Amino acid sequence: MAESLSDLDRFDRKILDMLAIDGRISVTELARRIGLSKSPTQARLKRLEETGVIRGYRALFDPIRLGRDHVAFVEVKLSDTREAALAAFNAAVLKVPEIEQCHLIAGPFDYLLKVRTDSMVSYRAVLADKISTLPHLSSTSTYVAMQAVREDGLLPGEG
């Protein structure tokens, strides 16, 4: 069973804060920074991983240095919002690598997509060839981001 936020004590929260900033920190250094010895820190880390609080570790890339600095947010309305239609849409979205995020929304549209490409020309091709062909799609509205003010993914009070 996965732990909830209320199950985490101050040491668990410190571990998560440290890993959010530096996922490659050694257990020895992590233990020093949170004020515990290595063995209990290692045990806590293992528990956080096994319970799914920590889902994994990965590298964060700079999309601008990789030439993928065009970000568009796309409102999507579906023609059918029954469970089978939502499942088909969700499965199809997972096959489009340019869709960085996809959220089911409670509001005047059904989904909000974050799409990252290298240019407006590339985005238009993704919209025409991939997004517009998603199952049960009725309409889209695109909003182009001019600047990313914050994209680090850290919770307030962290970092």
Protein backbone atom coordinates (compact mmCIF):
# COMPACT_ATOMS: atom_id res chain seq x y z
CA MET A 1 0.00 0.00 0.00
CA ALA A 2 1.34 3.42 -0.96
CA GLU A 3 2.07 5.90 1.77
CA SER A 4 0.27 9.21 1.99
CA LEU A 5 1.77 12.58 2.78
CA SER A 6 0.52 12.30 6.37
CA ASP A 7 2.52 9.05 6.80
CA LEU A 8 5.80 10.87 6.13
CA ASP A 9 7.78 12.30 9.03
CA ARG A 10 10.23 15.19 8.90
CA PHE A 11 13.15 12.94 7.92
CA ASP A 12 11.19 11.43 5.02
CA ARG A 13 10.26 14.92 3.85
CA LYS A 14 13.89 16.05 4.09
CA ILE A 15 14.93 13.04 2.00
CA LEU A 16 12.37 13.96 -0.65
CA ASP A 17 13.45 17.62 -0.59
CA MET A 18 17.10 16.66 -1.10
CA LEU A 19 16.34 14.17 -3.89
CA ALA A 20 14.13 16.69 -5.69
CA ILE A 21 17.16 18.95 -5.95
CA ASP A 22 19.83 16.28 -6.51
CA GLY A 23 18.68 12.77 -7.42
CA ARG A 24 22.30 11.59 -7.66
CA ILE A 25 23.26 12.47 -4.10
CA SER A 26 25.06 9.64 -2.30
CA VAL A 27 23.34 7.97 0.64
CA THR A 28 26.23 9.07 2.86
CA GLU A 29 25.79 12.73 1.87
CA LEU A 30 22.01 12.45 2.09
CA ALA A 31 22.31 11.05 5.63
CA ARG A 32 24.65 13.89 6.62
CA ARG A 33 22.29 16.55 5.27
CA ILE A 34 19.16 15.21 6.96
CA GLY A 35 20.87 14.47 10.28
CA LEU A 36 20.64 10.67 10.43
CA SER A 37 23.22 7.93 10.08
CA LYS A 38 23.62 6.03 6.83
CA SER A 39 21.72 2.82 7.75
CA PRO A 40 18.41 4.43 8.79
CA THR A 41 18.62 6.82 5.84
CA GLN A 42 19.12 3.87 3.48
CA ALA A 43 16.19 2.02 5.09
CA ARG A 44 13.93 5.07 4.72
CA LEU A 45 15.00 5.54 1.11
CA LYS A 46 14.23 1.89 0.33
CA ARG A 47 10.80 2.16 2.01
CA LEU A 48 9.98 5.32 0.04
CA GLU A 49 10.90 3.50 -3.17
CA GLU A 50 9.02 0.28 -2.32
CA THR A 51 5.83 2.12 -1.34
CA GLY A 52 5.86 4.14 -4.55
CA VAL A 53 6.45 7.55 -2.97
CA ILE A 54 9.65 7.63 -5.03
CA ARG A 55 8.67 6.32 -8.46
CA GLY A 56 12.12 6.45 -10.03
CA TYR A 57 15.09 8.57 -10.95
CA ARG A 58 15.85 10.28 -14.24
CA ALA A 59 17.91 12.95 -15.89
CA LEU A 60 16.37 16.35 -16.61
CA PHE A 61 17.29 17.78 -19.99
CA ASP A 62 17.37 21.41 -21.05
CA PRO A 63 14.86 21.53 -23.91
CA ILE A 64 16.21 24.86 -25.16
CA ARG A 65 19.73 23.46 -25.56
CA LEU A 66 18.17 20.50 -27.37
CA GLY A 67 16.40 22.84 -29.80
CA ARG A 68 12.91 22.12 -28.47
CA ASP A 69 11.98 25.58 -27.24
CA HIS A 70 8.55 25.93 -28.84
CA VAL A 71 5.82 25.16 -26.29
CA ALA A 72 2.13 25.14 -27.07
CA PHE A 73 -0.74 24.40 -24.74
CA VAL A 74 -3.69 22.84 -26.51
CA GLU A 75 -7.24 22.74 -25.24
CA VAL A 76 -8.96 19.64 -26.58
CA LYS A 77 -12.69 19.01 -26.79
CA LEU A 78 -13.89 15.50 -27.52
CA SER A 79 -17.02 14.43 -29.37
CA ASP A 80 -17.55 11.57 -26.90
CA THR A 81 -16.55 11.52 -23.23
CA ARG A 82 -17.71 8.06 -22.23
CA GLU A 83 -15.05 5.88 -20.57
CA ALA A 84 -14.22 3.91 -23.73
CA ALA A 85 -13.65 7.14 -25.68
CA LEU A 86 -11.45 8.59 -22.92
CA ALA A 87 -9.43 5.37 -22.80
CA ALA A 88 -8.93 5.41 -26.58
CA PHE A 89 -7.85 9.05 -26.48
CA ASN A 90 -5.47 8.43 -23.57
CA ALA A 91 -3.85 5.46 -25.32
CA ALA A 92 -3.37 7.43 -28.53
CA VAL A 93 -1.83 10.41 -26.71
CA LEU A 94 0.84 8.15 -25.21
CA LYS A 95 2.06 7.41 -28.76
CA VAL A 96 2.76 11.08 -29.61
CA PRO A 97 6.25 11.94 -28.30
CA GLU A 98 5.77 15.68 -28.78
CA ILE A 99 2.97 15.68 -26.18
CA GLU A 100 4.94 16.31 -23.00
CA GLN A 101 1.92 16.41 -20.68
CA CYS A 102 -1.75 15.51 -20.97
CA HIS A 103 -4.35 16.32 -18.32
CA LEU A 104 -8.06 15.46 -18.18
CA ILE A 105 -9.74 18.72 -17.17
CA ALA A 106 -12.96 19.55 -15.33
CA GLY A 107 -14.12 22.62 -17.21
CA PRO A 108 -15.24 23.95 -20.58
CA PHE A 109 -12.91 21.58 -22.49
CA ASP A 110 -11.86 17.99 -21.89
CA TYR A 111 -8.04 17.83 -22.02
CA LEU A 112 -5.10 20.19 -21.78
CA LEU A 113 -1.97 19.13 -23.65
CA LYS A 114 1.53 20.55 -23.35
CA VAL A 115 3.25 20.08 -26.69
CA ARG A 116 6.96 20.73 -27.19
CA THR A 117 8.55 21.06 -30.63
CA ASP A 118 11.46 22.90 -32.24
CA SER A 119 9.40 25.51 -34.13
CA MET A 120 5.96 26.74 -35.11
CA VAL A 121 6.31 24.88 -38.41
CA SER A 122 6.98 21.63 -36.53
CA TYR A 123 4.10 22.30 -34.16
CA ARG A 124 1.71 22.85 -37.08
CA ALA A 125 2.79 19.49 -38.54
CA VAL A 126 2.24 17.74 -35.19
CA LEU A 127 -1.17 19.39 -34.88
CA ALA A 128 -2.21 18.40 -38.40
CA ASP A 129 -0.71 14.91 -38.57
CA LYS A 130 -0.94 13.65 -34.99
CA ILE A 131 -3.15 15.70 -32.66
CA SER A 132 -5.98 16.28 -35.14
CA THR A 133 -6.17 12.55 -35.82
CA LEU A 134 -6.57 11.55 -32.16
CA PRO A 135 -9.73 9.49 -31.56
CA HIS A 136 -12.95 11.33 -30.71
CA LEU A 137 -11.33 14.75 -31.15
CA SER A 138 -13.90 17.44 -31.86
CA SER A 139 -11.87 20.67 -31.67
CA THR A 140 -8.64 22.23 -30.42
CA SER A 141 -7.47 25.68 -29.35
CA THR A 142 -3.76 26.45 -29.19
CA TYR A 143 -1.96 28.85 -26.88
CA VAL A 144 1.74 29.43 -27.55
CA ALA A 145 3.97 30.01 -24.53
CA MET A 146 6.24 33.04 -24.81
CA GLN A 147 8.39 32.26 -21.77
CA ALA A 148 8.64 29.54 -19.13
CA VAL A 149 8.70 31.29 -15.77
CA ARG A 150 8.86 28.03 -13.80
CA GLU A 151 9.17 24.44 -14.99
CA ASP A 152 11.22 22.75 -12.29
CA GLY A 153 8.44 20.57 -10.88
CA LEU A 154 9.41 21.22 -7.26
CA LEU A 155 6.72 21.76 -4.67
CA PRO A 156 6.41 25.19 -3.01
CA GLY A 157 9.04 25.66 -0.32
CA GLU A 158 11.52 23.35 -2.01
CA GLY A 159 14.71 24.10 -3.86
